[in-house]
Amino acid sequence: MLKVIALSVAMVALLAGVTIAQLTPRRVEIDKLTCAELAATRDDARYRLLVYLNGYMNGLRGQTVWDEQREGERIDRAVSECKAAPTRTVLDVFTSFWPR
């Protein structure tokens, strides 16, 4: 019984450690983030960065309407361009795909 309790405590501690590691916040300077760094970012963090960049670009242009299809197409094009040019900055690529 003591072994089961010890194992259970160890499992909880391990799971808590994994959860904490996943929640560690990251500070990203978007004007320096390269396409290669974006591609190397884990899926959930990359998704959050793409959402942030979409809002950032729309905010710069004073856009107050979110068109899901249009925004998705822009993001997809920017991500494709990033894959083709990993040394470019993500902000430079996104700027080239958002209307002025």
C-alpha atoms as a PDB file:
ATOM      1  CA  MET A   1       0.000   0.000   0.000  1.00  0.00           C
ATOM      2  CA  LEU A   2       2.854   2.343   0.835  1.00  0.00           C
ATOM      3  CA  LYS A   3       4.370   1.720  -2.626  1.00  0.00           C
ATOM      4  CA  VAL A   4       1.060   2.654  -4.300  1.00  0.00           C
ATOM      5  CA  ILE A   5       0.859   5.909  -2.337  1.00  0.00           C
ATOM      6  CA  ALA A   6       4.490   6.756  -3.118  1.00  0.00           C
ATOM      7  CA  LEU A   7       3.934   6.012  -6.792  1.00  0.00           C
ATOM      8  CA  SER A   8       0.781   8.130  -6.820  1.00  0.00           C
ATOM      9  CA  VAL A   9       2.582  11.076  -5.211  1.00  0.00           C
ATOM     10  CA  ALA A  10       5.411  10.740  -7.733  1.00  0.00           C
ATOM     11  CA  MET A  11       2.957  10.691 -10.642  1.00  0.00           C
ATOM     12  CA  VAL A  12       1.147  13.789  -9.378  1.00  0.00           C
ATOM     13  CA  ALA A  13       4.472  15.589  -8.931  1.00  0.00           C
ATOM     14  CA  LEU A  14       5.538  14.590 -12.432  1.00  0.00           C
ATOM     15  CA  LEU A  15       2.262  15.743 -13.973  1.00  0.00           C
ATOM     16  CA  ALA A  16       2.413  19.018 -12.048  1.00  0.00           C
ATOM     17  CA  GLY A  17       5.935  19.568 -13.358  1.00  0.00           C
ATOM     18  CA  VAL A  18       4.840  18.943 -16.941  1.00  0.00           C
ATOM     19  CA  THR A  19       1.914  21.346 -16.549  1.00  0.00           C
ATOM     20  CA  ILE A  20       4.147  24.055 -15.108  1.00  0.00           C
ATOM     21  CA  ALA A  21       6.663  23.587 -17.912  1.00  0.00           C
ATOM     22  CA  GLN A  22       3.929  24.011 -20.515  1.00  0.00           C
ATOM     23  CA  LEU A  23       2.677  27.202 -18.909  1.00  0.00           C
ATOM     24  CA  THR A  24       6.044  28.943 -18.718  1.00  0.00           C
ATOM     25  CA  PRO A  25       5.476  32.271 -20.466  1.00  0.00           C
ATOM     26  CA  ARG A  26       7.743  33.302 -23.256  1.00  0.00           C
ATOM     27  CA  ARG A  27       8.718  36.837 -24.251  1.00  0.00           C
ATOM     28  CA  VAL A  28       8.933  37.285 -28.013  1.00  0.00           C
ATOM     29  CA  GLU A  29      10.173  40.374 -29.806  1.00  0.00           C
ATOM     30  CA  ILE A  30       8.075  40.084 -32.951  1.00  0.00           C
ATOM     31  CA  ASP A  31      10.298  42.418 -34.959  1.00  0.00           C
ATOM     32  CA  LYS A  32      13.183  39.949 -34.469  1.00  0.00           C
ATOM     33  CA  LEU A  33      11.313  36.639 -34.718  1.00  0.00           C
ATOM     34  CA  THR A  34      12.457  34.738 -37.815  1.00  0.00           C
ATOM     35  CA  CYS A  35      10.345  32.416 -39.872  1.00  0.00           C
ATOM     36  CA  ALA A  36      12.609  29.541 -38.838  1.00  0.00           C
ATOM     37  CA  GLU A  37      11.957  30.325 -35.169  1.00  0.00           C
ATOM     38  CA  LEU A  38       8.213  30.432 -35.813  1.00  0.00           C
ATOM     39  CA  ALA A  39       8.371  27.050 -37.539  1.00  0.00           C
ATOM     40  CA  ALA A  40      10.306  25.595 -34.589  1.00  0.00           C
ATOM     41  CA  THR A  41       7.714  26.827 -32.089  1.00  0.00           C
ATOM     42  CA  ARG A  42       5.403  24.133 -30.733  1.00  0.00           C
ATOM     43  CA  ASP A  43       1.897  24.063 -32.198  1.00  0.00           C
ATOM     44  CA  ASP A  44      -0.078  25.783 -29.444  1.00  0.00           C
ATOM     45  CA  ALA A  45       2.469  28.578 -29.027  1.00  0.00           C
ATOM     46  CA  ARG A  46       2.694  29.025 -32.819  1.00  0.00           C
ATOM     47  CA  TYR A  47      -1.091  29.287 -32.984  1.00  0.00           C
ATOM     48  CA  ARG A  48      -1.087  32.003 -30.301  1.00  0.00           C
ATOM     49  CA  LEU A  49       1.677  33.886 -32.124  1.00  0.00           C
ATOM     50  CA  LEU A  50      -0.282  33.769 -35.380  1.00  0.00           C
ATOM     51  CA  VAL A  51      -3.416  35.046 -33.649  1.00  0.00           C
ATOM     52  CA  TYR A  52      -1.375  37.845 -32.068  1.00  0.00           C
ATOM     53  CA  LEU A  53       0.259  38.774 -35.380  1.00  0.00           C
ATOM     54  CA  ASN A  54      -3.107  38.844 -37.139  1.00  0.00           C
ATOM     55  CA  GLY A  55      -4.504  41.229 -34.530  1.00  0.00           C
ATOM     56  CA  TYR A  56      -1.325  43.308 -34.529  1.00  0.00           C
ATOM     57  CA  MET A  57      -1.409  43.766 -38.295  1.00  0.00           C
ATOM     58  CA  ASN A  58      -5.127  44.612 -38.303  1.00  0.00           C
ATOM     59  CA  GLY A  59      -4.650  47.033 -35.417  1.00  0.00           C
ATOM     60  CA  LEU A  60      -1.869  48.864 -37.253  1.00  0.00           C
ATOM     61  CA  ARG A  61      -4.265  49.482 -40.102  1.00  0.00           C
ATOM     62  CA  GLY A  62      -7.242  50.399 -37.955  1.00  0.00           C
ATOM     63  CA  GLN A  63      -9.210  47.404 -39.175  1.00  0.00           C
ATOM     64  CA  THR A  64     -12.232  46.821 -36.951  1.00  0.00           C
ATOM     65  CA  VAL A  65     -13.881  43.972 -38.846  1.00  0.00           C
ATOM     66  CA  TRP A  66     -12.595  40.396 -38.687  1.00  0.00           C
ATOM     67  CA  ASP A  67     -13.341  38.431 -41.847  1.00  0.00           C
ATOM     68  CA  GLU A  68     -12.486  34.834 -40.954  1.00  0.00           C
ATOM     69  CA  GLN A  69     -11.954  33.667 -44.531  1.00  0.00           C
ATOM     70  CA  ARG A  70      -9.835  36.654 -45.596  1.00  0.00           C
ATOM     71  CA  GLU A  71      -7.744  36.595 -42.406  1.00  0.00           C
ATOM     72  CA  GLY A  72      -7.215  32.847 -42.690  1.00  0.00           C
ATOM     73  CA  GLU A  73      -6.068  33.191 -46.293  1.00  0.00           C
ATOM     74  CA  ARG A  74      -3.598  35.935 -45.347  1.00  0.00           C
ATOM     75  CA  ILE A  75      -2.203  33.898 -42.489  1.00  0.00           C
ATOM     76  CA  ASP A  76      -1.887  30.803 -44.706  1.00  0.00           C
ATOM     77  CA  ARG A  77      -0.060  32.796 -47.393  1.00  0.00           C
ATOM     78  CA  ALA A  78       2.269  34.372 -44.839  1.00  0.00           C
ATOM     79  CA  VAL A  79       3.056  30.985 -43.273  1.00  0.00           C
ATOM     80  CA  SER A  80       3.761  29.513 -46.725  1.00  0.00           C
ATOM     81  CA  GLU A  81       6.084  32.411 -47.501  1.00  0.00           C
ATOM     82  CA  CYS A  82       7.817  31.896 -44.151  1.00  0.00           C
ATOM     83  CA  LYS A  83       8.440  28.251 -45.003  1.00  0.00           C
ATOM     84  CA  ALA A  84      10.057  29.341 -48.261  1.00  0.00           C
ATOM     85  CA  ALA A  85      12.176  32.068 -46.626  1.00  0.00           C
ATOM     86  CA  PRO A  86      13.196  30.936 -43.121  1.00  0.00           C
ATOM     87  CA  THR A  87      15.702  33.761 -42.567  1.00  0.00           C
ATOM     88  CA  ARG A  88      13.136  36.554 -43.057  1.00  0.00           C
ATOM     89  CA  THR A  89      11.425  38.018 -40.036  1.00  0.00           C
ATOM     90  CA  VAL A  90       7.833  36.996 -39.489  1.00  0.00           C
ATOM     91  CA  LEU A  91       6.797  40.628 -39.154  1.00  0.00           C
ATOM     92  CA  ASP A  92       8.324  41.456 -42.547  1.00  0.00           C
ATOM     93  CA  VAL A  93       6.461  38.569 -44.174  1.00  0.00           C
ATOM     94  CA  PHE A  94       3.155  39.466 -42.509  1.00  0.00           C
ATOM     95  CA  THR A  95       3.569  43.120 -43.479  1.00  0.00           C
ATOM     96  CA  SER A  96       3.911  42.108 -47.128  1.00  0.00           C
ATOM     97  CA  PHE A  97       0.553  40.282 -47.046  1.00  0.00           C
ATOM     98  CA  TRP A  98      -1.619  42.834 -45.206  1.00  0.00           C
ATOM     99  CA  PRO A  99      -3.226  45.658 -47.157  1.00  0.00           C
ATOM    100  CA  ARG A 100      -1.915  49.138 -46.555  1.00  0.00           C
END
